[in-house]
C-alpha atoms as a PDB file:
ATOM      1  CA  MET A   1       6.692 -28.886 -18.173  1.00  0.00           C
ATOM      2  CA  SER A   2       5.809 -30.044 -14.609  1.00  0.00           C
ATOM      3  CA  ALA A   3       3.676 -27.968 -12.361  1.00  0.00           C
ATOM      4  CA  SER A   4       6.731 -27.763  -9.952  1.00  0.00           C
ATOM      5  CA  ALA A   5       8.954 -26.449 -12.556  1.00  0.00           C
ATOM      6  CA  ALA A   6       6.311 -23.961 -13.610  1.00  0.00           C
ATOM      7  CA  TRP A   7       5.939 -22.724 -10.025  1.00  0.00           C
ATOM      8  CA  ALA A   8       9.659 -22.350  -9.677  1.00  0.00           C
ATOM      9  CA  MET A   9       9.806 -20.228 -12.886  1.00  0.00           C
ATOM     10  CA  LEU A  10       6.827 -18.156 -11.624  1.00  0.00           C
ATOM     11  CA  ILE A  11       8.601 -17.493  -8.282  1.00  0.00           C
ATOM     12  CA  ALA A  12      11.785 -16.634 -10.069  1.00  0.00           C
ATOM     13  CA  ALA A  13       9.841 -14.203 -12.344  1.00  0.00           C
ATOM     14  CA  GLY A  14       8.485 -12.483  -9.335  1.00  0.00           C
ATOM     15  CA  PHE A  15      12.060 -11.931  -7.881  1.00  0.00           C
ATOM     16  CA  VAL A  16      13.355 -10.832 -11.199  1.00  0.00           C
ATOM     17  CA  ASP A  17      10.396  -8.375 -11.260  1.00  0.00           C
ATOM     18  CA  VAL A  18      11.849  -6.837  -8.153  1.00  0.00           C
ATOM     19  CA  VAL A  19      15.192  -6.621  -9.730  1.00  0.00           C
ATOM     20  CA  TRP A  20      13.606  -4.834 -12.734  1.00  0.00           C
ATOM     21  CA  ALA A  21      11.648  -2.290 -10.559  1.00  0.00           C
ATOM     22  CA  THR A  22      14.722  -1.544  -8.595  1.00  0.00           C
ATOM     23  CA  THR A  23      17.019  -1.103 -11.513  1.00  0.00           C
ATOM     24  CA  MET A  24      14.423   1.006 -13.223  1.00  0.00           C
ATOM     25  CA  LYS A  25      14.461   3.423 -10.260  1.00  0.00           C
ATOM     26  CA  LEU A  26      18.330   3.416 -10.274  1.00  0.00           C
ATOM     27  CA  SER A  27      18.322   4.281 -13.987  1.00  0.00           C
ATOM     28  CA  GLN A  28      16.733   7.584 -13.067  1.00  0.00           C
ATOM     29  CA  GLY A  29      14.282   7.666 -15.878  1.00  0.00           C
ATOM     30  CA  TYR A  30      16.574   5.612 -18.261  1.00  0.00           C
ATOM     31  CA  THR A  31      19.231   8.354 -18.170  1.00  0.00           C
ATOM     32  CA  ARG A  32      21.941   6.141 -16.683  1.00  0.00           C
ATOM     33  CA  PRO A  33      23.067   3.704 -19.382  1.00  0.00           C
ATOM     34  CA  LEU A  34      24.331   0.733 -17.124  1.00  0.00           C
ATOM     35  CA  TRP A  35      21.170   0.710 -14.957  1.00  0.00           C
ATOM     36  CA  THR A  36      19.061   1.138 -18.113  1.00  0.00           C
ATOM     37  CA  ILE A  37      20.663  -1.959 -19.554  1.00  0.00           C
ATOM     38  CA  ALA A  38      20.254  -3.897 -16.284  1.00  0.00           C
ATOM     39  CA  SER A  39      16.588  -2.810 -16.169  1.00  0.00           C
ATOM     40  CA  LEU A  40      15.834  -3.833 -19.750  1.00  0.00           C
ATOM     41  CA  LEU A  41      17.633  -7.198 -19.272  1.00  0.00           C
ATOM     42  CA  SER A  42      15.671  -7.995 -16.144  1.00  0.00           C
ATOM     43  CA  LEU A  43      12.470  -6.993 -17.832  1.00  0.00           C
ATOM     44  CA  ALA A  44      13.021  -9.486 -20.665  1.00  0.00           C
ATOM     45  CA  ALA A  45      14.049 -12.132 -18.181  1.00  0.00           C
ATOM     46  CA  PHE A  46      10.861 -11.734 -16.120  1.00  0.00           C
ATOM     47  CA  VAL A  47       8.592 -11.580 -19.113  1.00  0.00           C
ATOM     48  CA  PHE A  48      10.359 -14.902 -20.398  1.00  0.00           C
ATOM     49  CA  LEU A  49       9.994 -16.703 -17.094  1.00  0.00           C
ATOM     50  CA  LEU A  50       6.410 -15.549 -16.625  1.00  0.00           C
ATOM     51  CA  GLY A  51       5.544 -16.710 -20.173  1.00  0.00           C
ATOM     52  CA  ARG A  52       7.104 -20.167 -19.585  1.00  0.00           C
ATOM     53  CA  ALA A  53       5.310 -20.544 -16.272  1.00  0.00           C
ATOM     54  CA  LEU A  54       1.937 -19.749 -17.926  1.00  0.00           C
ATOM     55  CA  VAL A  55       2.365 -22.730 -20.271  1.00  0.00           C
ATOM     56  CA  ALA A  56       1.465 -24.974 -17.240  1.00  0.00           C
ATOM     57  CA  LEU A  57      -0.239 -22.760 -14.671  1.00  0.00           C
ATOM     58  CA  PRO A  58      -3.701 -21.063 -14.682  1.00  0.00           C
ATOM     59  CA  VAL A  59      -3.256 -17.405 -15.816  1.00  0.00           C
ATOM     60  CA  GLY A  60      -5.374 -15.864 -12.995  1.00  0.00           C
ATOM     61  CA  SER A  61      -3.452 -17.560 -10.190  1.00  0.00           C
ATOM     62  CA  ALA A  62      -0.081 -17.169 -11.803  1.00  0.00           C
ATOM     63  CA  TYR A  63      -0.561 -13.519 -12.443  1.00  0.00           C
ATOM     64  CA  ALA A  64      -1.739 -12.853  -8.957  1.00  0.00           C
ATOM     65  CA  VAL A  65       1.285 -14.752  -7.540  1.00  0.00           C
ATOM     66  CA  TRP A  66       3.749 -13.058  -9.796  1.00  0.00           C
ATOM     67  CA  SER A  67       2.377  -9.510  -9.084  1.00  0.00           C
ATOM     68  CA  GLY A  68       2.123 -10.261  -5.335  1.00  0.00           C
ATOM     69  CA  ILE A  69       5.767 -11.301  -5.192  1.00  0.00           C
ATOM     70  CA  GLY A  70       6.712  -8.182  -7.169  1.00  0.00           C
ATOM     71  CA  ALA A  71       4.654  -5.871  -5.121  1.00  0.00           C
ATOM     72  CA  ALA A  72       5.801  -7.147  -1.697  1.00  0.00           C
ATOM     73  CA  GLY A  73       9.478  -7.536  -2.865  1.00  0.00           C
ATOM     74  CA  THR A  74       9.585  -4.211  -4.335  1.00  0.00           C
ATOM     75  CA  LEU A  75       8.160  -2.563  -1.201  1.00  0.00           C
ATOM     76  CA  LEU A  76      10.960  -4.226   0.832  1.00  0.00           C
ATOM     77  CA  ALA A  77      13.525  -3.363  -1.814  1.00  0.00           C
ATOM     78  CA  GLY A  78      12.452   0.238  -1.544  1.00  0.00           C
ATOM     79  CA  ALA A  79      13.017   0.204   2.140  1.00  0.00           C
ATOM     80  CA  VAL A  80      16.418  -1.444   1.876  1.00  0.00           C
ATOM     81  CA  PHE A  81      17.893   0.414  -1.064  1.00  0.00           C
ATOM     82  CA  PHE A  82      16.034   3.838  -1.017  1.00  0.00           C
ATOM     83  CA  ALA A  83      15.247   4.229   2.697  1.00  0.00           C
ATOM     84  CA  GLU A  84      11.440   4.145   2.105  1.00  0.00           C
ATOM     85  CA  ALA A  85       9.375   3.943   5.256  1.00  0.00           C
ATOM     86  CA  LEU A  86       8.182   0.554   6.443  1.00  0.00           C
ATOM     87  CA  THR A  87       5.182   1.568   8.608  1.00  0.00           C
ATOM     88  CA  PRO A  88       3.024  -0.966  10.417  1.00  0.00           C
ATOM     89  CA  LEU A  89       0.358  -0.536   7.780  1.00  0.00           C
ATOM     90  CA  ARG A  90       2.767  -1.243   4.937  1.00  0.00           C
ATOM     91  CA  LEU A  91       4.047  -4.424   6.676  1.00  0.00           C
ATOM     92  CA  ALA A  92       0.475  -5.505   7.318  1.00  0.00           C
ATOM     93  CA  GLY A  93      -0.188  -5.062   3.663  1.00  0.00           C
ATOM     94  CA  VAL A  94       2.832  -7.123   2.757  1.00  0.00           C
ATOM     95  CA  GLY A  95       1.649  -9.758   5.152  1.00  0.00           C
ATOM     96  CA  LEU A  96      -1.680  -9.947   3.458  1.00  0.00           C
ATOM     97  CA  ILE A  97      -0.023 -10.244   0.085  1.00  0.00           C
ATOM     98  CA  VAL A  98       2.147 -13.122   1.210  1.00  0.00           C
ATOM     99  CA  LEU A  99      -0.952 -14.772   2.781  1.00  0.00           C
ATOM    100  CA  GLY A 100      -2.737 -14.395  -0.492  1.00  0.00           C
ATOM    101  CA  ILE A 101       0.270 -15.985  -2.372  1.00  0.00           C
ATOM    102  CA  VAL A 102       0.251 -18.905   0.011  1.00  0.00           C
ATOM    103  CA  LEU A 103      -3.458 -19.454  -0.352  1.00  0.00           C
ATOM    104  CA  LEU A 104      -3.278 -19.296  -4.189  1.00  0.00           C
ATOM    105  CA  HIS A 105      -0.397 -21.784  -4.153  1.00  0.00           C
ATOM    106  CA  SER A 106      -2.266 -24.082  -1.762  1.00  0.00           C
ATOM    107  CA  ALA A 107      -5.359 -23.962  -4.081  1.00  0.00           C
ATOM    108  CA  ARG A 108      -3.455 -24.832  -7.235  1.00  0.00           C
ATOM    109  CA  ALA A 109      -4.962 -27.102  -9.746  1.00  0.00           C
END
């Protein structure tokens, strides 16, 4: 697998992680069957994508990028879907996460 394909899978895994976290919240503790199924399917999808990306990428950088995308994306999804507050400090934190992802991608081996 090429490094470009691995990075694409890693980024996709990060976005699917956001879907997983959102559907897990919507499942209300896995008590709503359709949201539970969506949550478990997205969990399986991001684990698969992350695992494939790790074939070609360094685990430390890949994990940091994946978790950063998931953290930043889930914070934004919480604001959009659940009316969670986006304070200046939260937005600054997301900015730092995104900056960290850019730096890790730029330093790729």
